[in-house]
Amino acid sequence: MRYTRKMPWDTAKDEELSSQLTLAENSVQALEALADTFAPLASRSFKRGRRDSIVEESILRCASLLDADIKRGKVKLTLPASAQTRVAVDPGELDTVILNLFLNSLYWIPKGNRPPELEVTVRRLPNGQRARVTISDSGSGVAEDDADSIFLPGVTRKPGGIGMGLTVAAELVSEYGGRLALVRPGKLGGATFVFDVPLKI
C-alpha cells in the first residue's frame, strides 16, 4: 500500500490557507451586510410613492424576524394595539427603519442594568398628516458625548460595526419629510428613538 507522508511544512501551509479562507469568509459576510444596509437607498427612487404601509404590521414583521433574539434575551416586548395606521411609505423602507432600531435596541439592552424591555408606540400627530413611532429600550443608553454624532456615517460603539444603521434609517425617514431623533432621557432608562412619517390620506 502506498501512502504519502505529510511534511511539517504542509501543516503550516494548511493553517495559513485555513486562516486566509476564514478572513475571506468574514470579508464576504461584511460586504453582504453592507449591501443589505444600503439596498433600500439604492432602489428607493424606483419604489417611492407607489405603495403604502400599515405601521403596526411593519412592527410585527420586524419583531417576528427577531423573535429568537427577543426570547433569548428574555426581553419584555410591548407593541402597539392592533390599530391600523396607514402611511405613505414603502413597506421595505419602513421595515428597514424599524428593523435597524430594533437591532440597535437588542444589542444594547443586555448592557443595561435594568430588566430587559423594549416598547413601541404609534400615534397620529395633531396635524392629522403624520404619524409618530417611538421605540424605547432599557439598555445602556447613549452617552451624552455621542448624542449629536450617532446619526453620522461610520459612528458606532459596536465592536466590528460599520456605523451605518442609524445613518440609513435617518436618511430614509428624511426622504419622507420626517426626522429620526434621539429623546433624552429615555423612557425605559435606555435609549428612546422617535421618527415621523406621512399618513396615507
N, C-alpha and C. Protein backbone atom coordinates (compact mmCIF):
# COMPACT_ATOMS: atom_id res chain seq x y z
N MET A 1 0.85 -1.19 0.00
CA MET A 1 0.00 0.00 0.00
C MET A 1 0.89 1.24 0.00
N ARG A 2 0.60 2.15 -0.87
CA ARG A 2 1.37 3.39 -0.93
C ARG A 2 0.68 4.46 -0.11
N TYR A 3 1.45 5.30 0.51
CA TYR A 3 0.89 6.41 1.27
C TYR A 3 1.83 7.60 1.17
N THR A 4 1.28 8.73 1.41
CA THR A 4 2.07 9.97 1.34
C THR A 4 2.26 10.51 2.73
N ARG A 5 3.49 10.73 3.08
CA ARG A 5 3.79 11.29 4.39
C ARG A 5 3.64 12.80 4.34
N LYS A 6 2.92 13.33 5.31
CA LYS A 6 2.68 14.77 5.35
C LYS A 6 3.85 15.44 6.06
N MET A 7 4.52 16.33 5.37
CA MET A 7 5.67 17.02 5.92
C MET A 7 5.21 18.17 6.81
N PRO A 8 6.08 18.62 7.76
CA PRO A 8 5.73 19.73 8.66
C PRO A 8 5.31 20.99 7.92
N TRP A 9 5.98 21.26 6.79
CA TRP A 9 5.62 22.49 6.07
C TRP A 9 4.22 22.41 5.48
N ASP A 10 3.73 21.18 5.24
CA ASP A 10 2.36 21.02 4.74
C ASP A 10 1.36 21.51 5.79
N THR A 11 1.60 21.15 7.05
CA THR A 11 0.72 21.59 8.14
C THR A 11 0.69 23.10 8.25
N ALA A 12 1.85 23.70 8.12
CA ALA A 12 1.92 25.16 8.19
C ALA A 12 1.13 25.79 7.06
N LYS A 13 1.25 25.18 5.85
CA LYS A 13 0.52 25.72 4.71
C LYS A 13 -0.99 25.57 4.90
N ASP A 14 -1.39 24.42 5.47
CA ASP A 14 -2.81 24.19 5.73
C ASP A 14 -3.36 25.23 6.69
N GLU A 15 -2.60 25.52 7.74
CA GLU A 15 -3.04 26.51 8.73
C GLU A 15 -3.14 27.90 8.11
N GLU A 16 -2.18 28.22 7.26
CA GLU A 16 -2.20 29.52 6.60
C GLU A 16 -3.40 29.62 5.65
N LEU A 17 -3.64 28.52 4.90
CA LEU A 17 -4.78 28.51 3.97
C LEU A 17 -6.09 28.64 4.74
N SER A 18 -6.20 27.92 5.87
CA SER A 18 -7.41 27.99 6.68
C SER A 18 -7.64 29.41 7.19
N SER A 19 -6.55 30.05 7.61
CA SER A 19 -6.65 31.43 8.10
C SER A 19 -7.11 32.36 6.99
N GLN A 20 -6.56 32.17 5.79
CA GLN A 20 -6.93 33.01 4.66
C GLN A 20 -8.40 32.81 4.27
N LEU A 21 -8.85 31.55 4.32
CA LEU A 21 -10.25 31.26 4.00
C LEU A 21 -11.19 31.91 5.02
N THR A 22 -10.80 31.87 6.29
CA THR A 22 -11.61 32.49 7.34
C THR A 22 -11.71 34.00 7.11
N LEU A 23 -10.59 34.62 6.78
CA LEU A 23 -10.58 36.06 6.50
C LEU A 23 -11.47 36.38 5.30
N ALA A 24 -11.39 35.52 4.27
CA ALA A 24 -12.19 35.74 3.07
C ALA A 24 -13.68 35.63 3.39
N GLU A 25 -14.04 34.61 4.18
CA GLU A 25 -15.44 34.43 4.56
C GLU A 25 -15.94 35.63 5.36
N ASN A 26 -15.12 36.12 6.28
CA ASN A 26 -15.50 37.29 7.08
C ASN A 26 -15.68 38.52 6.20
N SER A 27 -14.83 38.64 5.20
CA SER A 27 -14.93 39.78 4.29
C SER A 27 -16.21 39.72 3.48
N VAL A 28 -16.53 38.51 3.00
CA VAL A 28 -17.77 38.33 2.22
C VAL A 28 -18.99 38.66 3.07
N GLN A 29 -19.00 38.18 4.32
CA GLN A 29 -20.12 38.47 5.22
C GLN A 29 -20.25 39.96 5.48
N ALA A 30 -19.12 40.64 5.64
CA ALA A 30 -19.14 42.08 5.88
C ALA A 30 -19.70 42.82 4.67
N LEU A 31 -19.29 42.37 3.47
CA LEU A 31 -19.78 43.00 2.25
C LEU A 31 -21.27 42.76 2.06
N GLU A 32 -21.72 41.53 2.38
CA GLU A 32 -23.15 41.22 2.28
C GLU A 32 -23.96 42.09 3.24
N ALA A 33 -23.46 42.26 4.46
CA ALA A 33 -24.14 43.11 5.44
C ALA A 33 -24.20 44.54 4.95
N LEU A 34 -23.11 45.00 4.35
CA LEU A 34 -23.06 46.36 3.83
C LEU A 34 -24.05 46.53 2.69
N ALA A 35 -24.12 45.52 1.80
CA ALA A 35 -25.06 45.59 0.68
C ALA A 35 -26.51 45.62 1.18
N ASP A 36 -26.81 44.78 2.20
CA ASP A 36 -28.16 44.76 2.77
C ASP A 36 -28.50 46.11 3.39
N THR A 37 -27.50 46.75 4.00
CA THR A 37 -27.74 48.04 4.64
C THR A 37 -28.09 49.11 3.64
N PHE A 38 -27.38 49.11 2.49
CA PHE A 38 -27.57 50.18 1.52
C PHE A 38 -28.62 49.87 0.46
N ALA A 39 -29.11 48.64 0.40
CA ALA A 39 -30.08 48.27 -0.63
C ALA A 39 -31.30 49.19 -0.68
N PRO A 40 -31.91 49.54 0.47
CA PRO A 40 -33.08 50.41 0.42
C PRO A 40 -32.77 51.78 -0.18
N LEU A 41 -31.56 52.29 0.05
CA LEU A 41 -31.20 53.59 -0.51
C LEU A 41 -30.96 53.50 -2.01
N ALA A 42 -30.39 52.40 -2.44
CA ALA A 42 -30.06 52.24 -3.85
C ALA A 42 -31.30 52.12 -4.73
N SER A 43 -32.37 51.52 -4.19
CA SER A 43 -33.55 51.25 -5.01
C SER A 43 -34.73 52.15 -4.70
N ARG A 44 -34.58 53.07 -3.77
CA ARG A 44 -35.74 53.81 -3.30
C ARG A 44 -36.40 54.65 -4.39
N SER A 45 -35.62 55.19 -5.34
CA SER A 45 -36.21 56.06 -6.35
C SER A 45 -37.17 55.30 -7.26
N PHE A 46 -37.04 53.98 -7.30
CA PHE A 46 -37.90 53.17 -8.16
C PHE A 46 -39.20 52.77 -7.47
N LYS A 47 -39.25 52.91 -6.14
CA LYS A 47 -40.41 52.41 -5.40
C LYS A 47 -41.24 53.51 -4.76
N ARG A 48 -40.59 54.63 -4.44
CA ARG A 48 -41.24 55.62 -3.60
C ARG A 48 -42.58 56.09 -4.17
N GLY A 49 -43.57 56.13 -3.30
CA GLY A 49 -44.87 56.66 -3.67
C GLY A 49 -45.78 55.65 -4.34
N ARG A 50 -45.26 54.49 -4.68
CA ARG A 50 -46.08 53.50 -5.39
C ARG A 50 -46.85 52.60 -4.43
N ARG A 51 -46.36 52.47 -3.21
CA ARG A 51 -47.03 51.61 -2.24
C ARG A 51 -47.12 52.31 -0.90
N ASP A 52 -48.03 51.82 -0.06
CA ASP A 52 -48.12 52.36 1.29
C ASP A 52 -48.01 51.21 2.29
N SER A 53 -47.97 51.56 3.57
CA SER A 53 -47.74 50.55 4.60
C SER A 53 -48.68 50.78 5.77
N ILE A 54 -48.84 49.73 6.56
CA ILE A 54 -49.52 49.85 7.86
C ILE A 54 -48.43 49.69 8.91
N VAL A 55 -48.23 50.73 9.70
CA VAL A 55 -47.10 50.77 10.63
C VAL A 55 -47.11 49.57 11.57
N GLU A 56 -48.27 49.26 12.14
CA GLU A 56 -48.33 48.16 13.11
C GLU A 56 -47.95 46.82 12.48
N GLU A 57 -48.29 46.63 11.21
CA GLU A 57 -47.92 45.39 10.53
C GLU A 57 -46.41 45.33 10.32
N SER A 58 -45.81 46.45 10.00
CA SER A 58 -44.36 46.51 9.83
C SER A 58 -43.65 46.18 11.14
N ILE A 59 -44.17 46.72 12.24
CA ILE A 59 -43.58 46.46 13.56
C ILE A 59 -43.66 44.97 13.88
N LEU A 60 -44.80 44.36 13.60
CA LEU A 60 -44.97 42.92 13.87
C LEU A 60 -44.03 42.08 13.02
N ARG A 61 -43.86 42.45 11.75
CA ARG A 61 -42.95 41.72 10.86
C ARG A 61 -41.53 41.75 11.41
N CYS A 62 -41.09 42.94 11.80
CA CYS A 62 -39.73 43.09 12.30
C CYS A 62 -39.54 42.34 13.62
N ALA A 63 -40.56 42.38 14.48
CA ALA A 63 -40.48 41.66 15.75
C ALA A 63 -40.42 40.16 15.51
N SER A 64 -41.17 39.68 14.50
CA SER A 64 -41.16 38.25 14.18
C SER A 64 -39.79 37.81 13.66
N LEU A 65 -39.16 38.65 12.86
CA LEU A 65 -37.84 38.32 12.33
C LEU A 65 -36.81 38.17 13.45
N LEU A 66 -37.00 38.94 14.52
CA LEU A 66 -36.05 38.93 15.63
C LEU A 66 -36.57 38.15 16.84
N ASP A 67 -37.58 37.33 16.62
CA ASP A 67 -38.22 36.62 17.72
C ASP A 67 -37.23 35.78 18.54
N ALA A 68 -36.31 35.11 17.85
CA ALA A 68 -35.34 34.26 18.56
C ALA A 68 -34.45 35.09 19.48
N ASP A 69 -34.01 36.25 19.00
CA ASP A 69 -33.16 37.13 19.81
C ASP A 69 -33.93 37.70 21.00
N ILE A 70 -35.19 38.04 20.75
CA ILE A 70 -36.03 38.59 21.82
C ILE A 70 -36.23 37.56 22.92
N LYS A 71 -36.52 36.32 22.53
CA LYS A 71 -36.73 35.25 23.50
C LYS A 71 -35.44 34.90 24.22
N ARG A 72 -34.34 34.86 23.47
CA ARG A 72 -33.05 34.52 24.08
C ARG A 72 -32.66 35.54 25.15
N GLY A 73 -32.96 36.80 24.89
CA GLY A 73 -32.63 37.84 25.85
C GLY A 73 -33.69 38.06 26.91
N LYS A 74 -34.78 37.25 26.83
CA LYS A 74 -35.89 37.37 27.77
C LYS A 74 -36.40 38.82 27.84
N VAL A 75 -36.51 39.43 26.67
CA VAL A 75 -36.92 40.82 26.57
C VAL A 75 -38.44 40.94 26.66
N LYS A 76 -38.91 41.78 27.54
CA LYS A 76 -40.34 42.07 27.61
C LYS A 76 -40.66 43.04 26.48
N LEU A 77 -41.44 42.56 25.51
CA LEU A 77 -41.76 43.35 24.33
C LEU A 77 -43.18 43.89 24.42
N THR A 78 -43.32 45.20 24.33
CA THR A 78 -44.63 45.84 24.35
C THR A 78 -44.87 46.50 23.01
N LEU A 79 -45.87 46.00 22.29
CA LEU A 79 -46.17 46.50 20.96
C LEU A 79 -47.47 47.29 20.96
N PRO A 80 -47.68 48.13 19.95
CA PRO A 80 -48.93 48.90 19.88
C PRO A 80 -50.14 48.00 19.68
N ALA A 81 -51.29 48.52 20.04
CA ALA A 81 -52.54 47.78 19.84
C ALA A 81 -52.76 47.53 18.35
N SER A 82 -53.72 46.70 18.05
CA SER A 82 -53.94 46.29 16.67
C SER A 82 -54.65 47.34 15.83
N ALA A 83 -54.30 48.60 16.04
CA ALA A 83 -54.85 49.67 15.19
C ALA A 83 -54.17 49.58 13.83
N GLN A 84 -54.72 50.26 12.85
CA GLN A 84 -54.12 50.24 11.52
C GLN A 84 -53.80 51.67 11.12
N THR A 85 -52.55 52.02 11.25
CA THR A 85 -52.08 53.36 10.88
C THR A 85 -51.43 53.26 9.52
N ARG A 86 -52.17 53.67 8.50
CA ARG A 86 -51.66 53.54 7.12
C ARG A 86 -50.84 54.78 6.77
N VAL A 87 -49.64 54.54 6.29
CA VAL A 87 -48.74 55.65 5.96
C VAL A 87 -48.26 55.55 4.52
N ALA A 88 -47.91 56.68 3.96
CA ALA A 88 -47.44 56.74 2.57
C ALA A 88 -45.94 56.48 2.51
N VAL A 89 -45.56 55.27 2.93
CA VAL A 89 -44.15 54.86 2.97
C VAL A 89 -44.06 53.45 2.41
N ASP A 90 -43.05 53.21 1.59
CA ASP A 90 -42.86 51.88 1.03
C ASP A 90 -42.62 50.87 2.16
N PRO A 91 -43.26 49.70 2.12
CA PRO A 91 -43.10 48.71 3.19
C PRO A 91 -41.65 48.31 3.45
N GLY A 92 -40.87 48.13 2.38
CA GLY A 92 -39.48 47.73 2.55
C GLY A 92 -38.67 48.79 3.26
N GLU A 93 -38.95 50.04 2.96
CA GLU A 93 -38.21 51.13 3.59
C GLU A 93 -38.62 51.31 5.05
N LEU A 94 -39.91 51.18 5.31
CA LEU A 94 -40.38 51.29 6.69
C LEU A 94 -39.81 50.14 7.53
N ASP A 95 -39.81 48.93 6.98
CA ASP A 95 -39.24 47.79 7.68
C ASP A 95 -37.75 48.02 7.98
N THR A 96 -37.05 48.62 7.03
CA THR A 96 -35.62 48.88 7.22
C THR A 96 -35.38 49.80 8.40
N VAL A 97 -36.17 50.86 8.50
CA VAL A 97 -36.03 51.82 9.60
C VAL A 97 -36.29 51.12 10.94
N ILE A 98 -37.41 50.42 11.03
CA ILE A 98 -37.80 49.78 12.29
C ILE A 98 -36.84 48.67 12.66
N LEU A 99 -36.42 47.87 11.67
CA LEU A 99 -35.51 46.76 11.95
C LEU A 99 -34.16 47.28 12.47
N ASN A 100 -33.66 48.34 11.88
CA ASN A 100 -32.40 48.92 12.36
C ASN A 100 -32.52 49.38 13.80
N LEU A 101 -33.64 50.00 14.15
CA LEU A 101 -33.83 50.47 15.52
C LEU A 101 -34.00 49.30 16.49
N PHE A 102 -34.71 48.26 16.06
CA PHE A 102 -34.85 47.07 16.90
C PHE A 102 -33.48 46.41 17.15
N LEU A 103 -32.71 46.26 16.09
CA LEU A 103 -31.39 45.63 16.23
C LEU A 103 -30.50 46.44 17.16
N ASN A 104 -30.59 47.74 17.05
CA ASN A 104 -29.81 48.61 17.92
C ASN A 104 -30.22 48.40 19.38
N SER A 105 -31.52 48.35 19.63
CA SER A 105 -32.01 48.15 20.99
C SER A 105 -31.59 46.79 21.54
N LEU A 106 -31.76 45.74 20.74
CA LEU A 106 -31.46 44.39 21.21
C LEU A 106 -29.97 44.20 21.50
N TYR A 107 -29.13 44.97 20.81
CA TYR A 107 -27.70 44.89 21.09
C TYR A 107 -27.37 45.53 22.44
N TRP A 108 -28.00 46.67 22.74
CA TRP A 108 -27.63 47.43 23.93
C TRP A 108 -28.41 47.04 25.19
N ILE A 109 -29.56 46.40 25.03
CA ILE A 109 -30.36 46.02 26.20
C ILE A 109 -29.58 45.17 27.21
N PRO A 110 -28.84 44.14 26.78
CA PRO A 110 -28.11 43.32 27.78
C PRO A 110 -27.02 44.10 28.52
N LYS A 111 -26.63 45.24 27.98
CA LYS A 111 -25.57 46.02 28.60
C LYS A 111 -26.10 47.04 29.60
N GLY A 112 -27.41 47.08 29.76
CA GLY A 112 -28.01 47.95 30.77
C GLY A 112 -28.15 47.20 32.08
N ASN A 113 -28.36 47.91 33.15
CA ASN A 113 -28.52 47.28 34.47
C ASN A 113 -29.97 47.28 34.90
N ARG A 114 -30.86 47.08 33.92
CA ARG A 114 -32.29 47.09 34.19
C ARG A 114 -32.94 45.85 33.59
N PRO A 115 -34.15 45.52 34.01
CA PRO A 115 -34.86 44.40 33.38
C PRO A 115 -34.97 44.66 31.87
N PRO A 116 -34.75 43.64 31.05
CA PRO A 116 -34.77 43.82 29.59
C PRO A 116 -36.16 44.15 29.05
N GLU A 117 -36.29 45.34 28.50
CA GLU A 117 -37.58 45.77 27.96
C GLU A 117 -37.40 46.50 26.64
N LEU A 118 -38.39 46.35 25.78
CA LEU A 118 -38.44 47.06 24.51
C LEU A 118 -39.90 47.44 24.26
N GLU A 119 -40.16 48.72 24.08
CA GLU A 119 -41.53 49.20 23.92
C GLU A 119 -41.66 50.03 22.65
N VAL A 120 -42.75 49.77 21.92
CA VAL A 120 -43.01 50.51 20.69
C VAL A 120 -44.41 51.12 20.75
N THR A 121 -44.51 52.39 20.43
CA THR A 121 -45.82 53.05 20.37
C THR A 121 -45.97 53.78 19.04
N VAL A 122 -47.22 53.91 18.63
CA VAL A 122 -47.55 54.63 17.40
C VAL A 122 -48.69 55.58 17.70
N ARG A 123 -48.58 56.82 17.27
CA ARG A 123 -49.71 57.74 17.44
C ARG A 123 -49.76 58.73 16.29
N ARG A 124 -50.97 59.15 15.99
CA ARG A 124 -51.16 60.17 14.96
C ARG A 124 -50.89 61.54 15.56
N LEU A 125 -50.19 62.38 14.83
CA LEU A 125 -49.89 63.72 15.32
C LEU A 125 -51.11 64.62 15.15
N PRO A 126 -51.20 65.66 15.98
CA PRO A 126 -52.38 66.54 15.94
C PRO A 126 -52.65 67.20 14.59
N ASN A 127 -51.61 67.34 13.76
CA ASN A 127 -51.82 67.98 12.46
C ASN A 127 -52.62 67.12 11.49
N GLY A 128 -52.84 65.85 11.86
CA GLY A 128 -53.65 64.97 11.03
C GLY A 128 -52.97 64.51 9.76
N GLN A 129 -51.68 64.79 9.63
CA GLN A 129 -50.98 64.44 8.39
C GLN A 129 -49.82 63.46 8.58
N ARG A 130 -49.41 63.27 9.84
CA ARG A 130 -48.25 62.41 10.08
C ARG A 130 -48.48 61.51 11.28
N ALA A 131 -47.69 60.43 11.33
CA ALA A 131 -47.73 59.52 12.47
C ALA A 131 -46.34 59.46 13.09
N ARG A 132 -46.30 59.28 14.39
CA ARG A 132 -45.01 59.21 15.09
C ARG A 132 -44.84 57.82 15.70
N VAL A 133 -43.67 57.24 15.48
CA VAL A 133 -43.31 55.95 16.04
C VAL A 133 -42.23 56.18 17.09
N THR A 134 -42.42 55.60 18.28
CA THR A 134 -41.45 55.74 19.37
C THR A 134 -40.98 54.36 19.78
N ILE A 135 -39.66 54.18 19.82
CA ILE A 135 -39.07 52.90 20.21
C ILE A 135 -38.15 53.14 21.39
N SER A 136 -38.48 52.53 22.54
CA SER A 136 -37.71 52.73 23.76
C SER A 136 -37.17 51.40 24.27
N ASP A 137 -35.97 51.44 24.85
CA ASP A 137 -35.40 50.22 25.42
C ASP A 137 -34.80 50.51 26.79
N SER A 138 -34.47 49.44 27.50
CA SER A 138 -33.92 49.57 28.85
C SER A 138 -32.41 49.32 28.86
N GLY A 139 -31.77 49.53 27.72
CA GLY A 139 -30.34 49.26 27.61
C GLY A 139 -29.47 50.29 28.30
N SER A 140 -28.22 50.35 27.86
CA SER A 140 -27.25 51.25 28.49
C SER A 140 -27.40 52.69 28.03
N GLY A 141 -28.25 52.92 27.01
CA GLY A 141 -28.49 54.29 26.55
C GLY A 141 -27.35 54.83 25.70
N VAL A 142 -27.48 56.10 25.34
CA VAL A 142 -26.49 56.78 24.51
C VAL A 142 -25.75 57.80 25.37
N ALA A 143 -24.44 57.71 25.36
CA ALA A 143 -23.64 58.65 26.15
C ALA A 143 -23.87 60.08 25.66
N GLU A 144 -23.84 61.01 26.58
CA GLU A 144 -24.10 62.41 26.23
C GLU A 144 -23.14 62.90 25.16
N ASP A 145 -21.90 62.46 25.21
CA ASP A 145 -20.91 62.89 24.22
C ASP A 145 -21.21 62.37 22.82
N ASP A 146 -22.00 61.27 22.73
CA ASP A 146 -22.31 60.66 21.44
C ASP A 146 -23.65 61.13 20.87
N ALA A 147 -24.44 61.81 21.67
CA ALA A 147 -25.82 62.12 21.28
C ALA A 147 -25.92 62.89 19.97
N ASP A 148 -24.95 63.76 19.70
CA ASP A 148 -25.02 64.58 18.49
C ASP A 148 -24.38 63.93 17.28
N SER A 149 -23.73 62.78 17.48
CA SER A 149 -22.99 62.20 16.36
C SER A 149 -23.47 60.82 15.93
N ILE A 150 -24.41 60.22 16.64
CA ILE A 150 -24.79 58.83 16.36
C ILE A 150 -25.41 58.62 14.99
N PHE A 151 -25.93 59.69 14.36
CA PHE A 151 -26.53 59.54 13.04
C PHE A 151 -25.53 59.79 11.92
N LEU A 152 -24.29 60.13 12.26
CA LEU A 152 -23.27 60.37 11.25
C LEU A 152 -22.71 59.06 10.73
N PRO A 153 -22.34 59.00 9.44
CA PRO A 153 -21.78 57.77 8.88
C PRO A 153 -20.52 57.34 9.61
N GLY A 154 -20.44 56.05 9.90
CA GLY A 154 -19.23 55.49 10.49
C GLY A 154 -19.12 55.61 11.99
N VAL A 155 -20.09 56.26 12.64
CA VAL A 155 -20.04 56.41 14.09
C VAL A 155 -20.71 55.21 14.75
N THR A 156 -19.97 54.47 15.55
CA THR A 156 -20.53 53.30 16.22
C THR A 156 -19.71 52.97 17.46
N ARG A 157 -20.37 52.38 18.45
CA ARG A 157 -19.69 51.87 19.64
C ARG A 157 -19.70 50.35 19.64
N LYS A 158 -20.23 49.75 18.56
CA LYS A 158 -20.29 48.29 18.48
C LYS A 158 -18.98 47.76 17.92
N PRO A 159 -18.34 46.82 18.59
CA PRO A 159 -17.13 46.21 18.04
C PRO A 159 -17.43 45.54 16.69
N GLY A 160 -16.70 45.92 15.67
CA GLY A 160 -16.92 45.34 14.36
C GLY A 160 -18.06 45.97 13.59
N GLY A 161 -18.76 46.95 14.18
CA GLY A 161 -19.86 47.61 13.49
C GLY A 161 -19.36 48.57 12.43
N ILE A 162 -20.23 48.87 11.45
CA ILE A 162 -19.82 49.79 10.38
C ILE A 162 -20.42 51.17 10.59
N GLY A 163 -21.29 51.31 11.57
CA GLY A 163 -21.81 52.63 11.90
C GLY A 163 -22.71 53.24 10.83
N MET A 164 -23.53 52.39 10.17
CA MET A 164 -24.40 52.91 9.11
C MET A 164 -25.88 52.65 9.35
N GLY A 165 -26.23 51.86 10.36
CA GLY A 165 -27.63 51.52 10.60
C GLY A 165 -28.49 52.73 10.87
N LEU A 166 -28.09 53.55 11.84
CA LEU A 166 -28.86 54.75 12.18
C LEU A 166 -28.78 55.78 11.06
N THR A 167 -27.65 55.83 10.36
CA THR A 167 -27.50 56.77 9.25
C THR A 167 -28.50 56.47 8.15
N VAL A 168 -28.59 55.20 7.78
CA VAL A 168 -29.53 54.79 6.73
C VAL A 168 -30.97 55.03 7.17
N ALA A 169 -31.29 54.66 8.42
CA ALA A 169 -32.64 54.86 8.93
C ALA A 169 -33.02 56.34 8.91
N ALA A 170 -32.11 57.20 9.35
CA ALA A 170 -32.38 58.63 9.37
C ALA A 170 -32.56 59.19 7.97
N GLU A 171 -31.76 58.69 7.02
CA GLU A 171 -31.86 59.15 5.64
C GLU A 171 -33.20 58.76 5.03
N LEU A 172 -33.65 57.53 5.30
CA LEU A 172 -34.93 57.08 4.75
C LEU A 172 -36.08 57.92 5.31
N VAL A 173 -36.06 58.16 6.62
CA VAL A 173 -37.12 58.97 7.24
C VAL A 173 -37.10 60.38 6.66
N SER A 174 -35.91 60.92 6.45
CA SER A 174 -35.77 62.27 5.90
C SER A 174 -36.38 62.37 4.51
N GLU A 175 -36.26 61.30 3.72
CA GLU A 175 -36.81 61.30 2.36
C GLU A 175 -38.33 61.41 2.36
N TYR A 176 -38.96 61.11 3.48
CA TYR A 176 -40.41 61.24 3.60
C TYR A 176 -40.79 62.48 4.40
N GLY A 177 -39.87 63.42 4.48
CA GLY A 177 -40.16 64.69 5.15
C GLY A 177 -40.16 64.61 6.65
N GLY A 178 -39.62 63.53 7.21
CA GLY A 178 -39.63 63.35 8.66
C GLY A 178 -38.24 63.46 9.27
N ARG A 179 -38.15 63.13 10.53
CA ARG A 179 -36.88 63.21 11.25
C ARG A 179 -36.78 62.07 12.25
N LEU A 180 -35.64 61.40 12.26
CA LEU A 180 -35.34 60.39 13.27
C LEU A 180 -34.51 61.07 14.34
N ALA A 181 -34.95 60.99 15.59
CA ALA A 181 -34.27 61.71 16.66
C ALA A 181 -34.13 60.86 17.91
N LEU A 182 -33.12 61.19 18.68
CA LEU A 182 -32.90 60.58 19.98
C LEU A 182 -33.57 61.45 21.04
N VAL A 183 -34.35 60.82 21.93
CA VAL A 183 -35.02 61.54 23.01
C VAL A 183 -34.29 61.25 24.31
N ARG A 184 -33.94 62.30 25.02
CA ARG A 184 -33.26 62.14 26.31
C ARG A 184 -34.07 62.83 27.39
N PRO A 185 -34.27 62.19 28.55
CA PRO A 185 -33.83 60.83 28.88
C PRO A 185 -34.76 59.80 28.25
N GLY A 186 -34.26 58.59 28.10
CA GLY A 186 -35.07 57.53 27.52
C GLY A 186 -36.19 57.11 28.47
N LYS A 187 -37.31 56.73 27.90
CA LYS A 187 -38.48 56.38 28.70
C LYS A 187 -38.23 55.21 29.65
N LEU A 188 -37.48 54.21 29.18
CA LEU A 188 -37.22 53.00 29.99
C LEU A 188 -35.83 53.00 30.61
N GLY A 189 -35.18 54.14 30.57
CA GLY A 189 -33.85 54.26 31.16
C GLY A 189 -32.72 54.08 30.18
N GLY A 190 -33.03 53.51 29.01
CA GLY A 190 -32.01 53.33 27.97
C GLY A 190 -32.17 54.38 26.90
N ALA A 191 -32.21 53.93 25.65
CA ALA A 191 -32.38 54.85 24.52
C ALA A 191 -33.83 54.90 24.07
N THR A 192 -34.27 56.07 23.65
CA THR A 192 -35.58 56.25 23.04
C THR A 192 -35.39 56.99 21.72
N PHE A 193 -35.86 56.37 20.63
CA PHE A 193 -35.79 56.99 19.32
C PHE A 193 -37.21 57.25 18.82
N VAL A 194 -37.40 58.38 18.16
CA VAL A 194 -38.70 58.70 17.57
C VAL A 194 -38.50 59.09 16.11
N PHE A 195 -39.48 58.74 15.29
CA PHE A 195 -39.45 59.24 13.90
C PHE A 195 -40.89 59.42 13.45
N ASP A 196 -41.08 60.31 12.47
CA ASP A 196 -42.42 60.57 11.95
C ASP A 196 -42.46 60.35 10.45
N VAL A 197 -43.61 59.87 9.99
CA VAL A 197 -43.80 59.58 8.57
C VAL A 197 -45.19 60.08 8.16
N PRO A 198 -45.41 60.33 6.85
CA PRO A 198 -46.69 60.87 6.41
C PRO A 198 -47.80 59.83 6.40
N LEU A 199 -48.97 60.23 6.87
CA LEU A 199 -50.14 59.36 6.81
C LEU A 199 -50.61 59.25 5.35
N LYS A 200 -51.21 58.14 5.02
CA LYS A 200 -51.81 57.96 3.71
C LYS A 200 -53.18 58.62 3.74
N ILE A 201 -53.33 59.69 3.04
CA ILE A 201 -54.58 60.46 3.08
C ILE A 201 -55.33 60.31 1.75
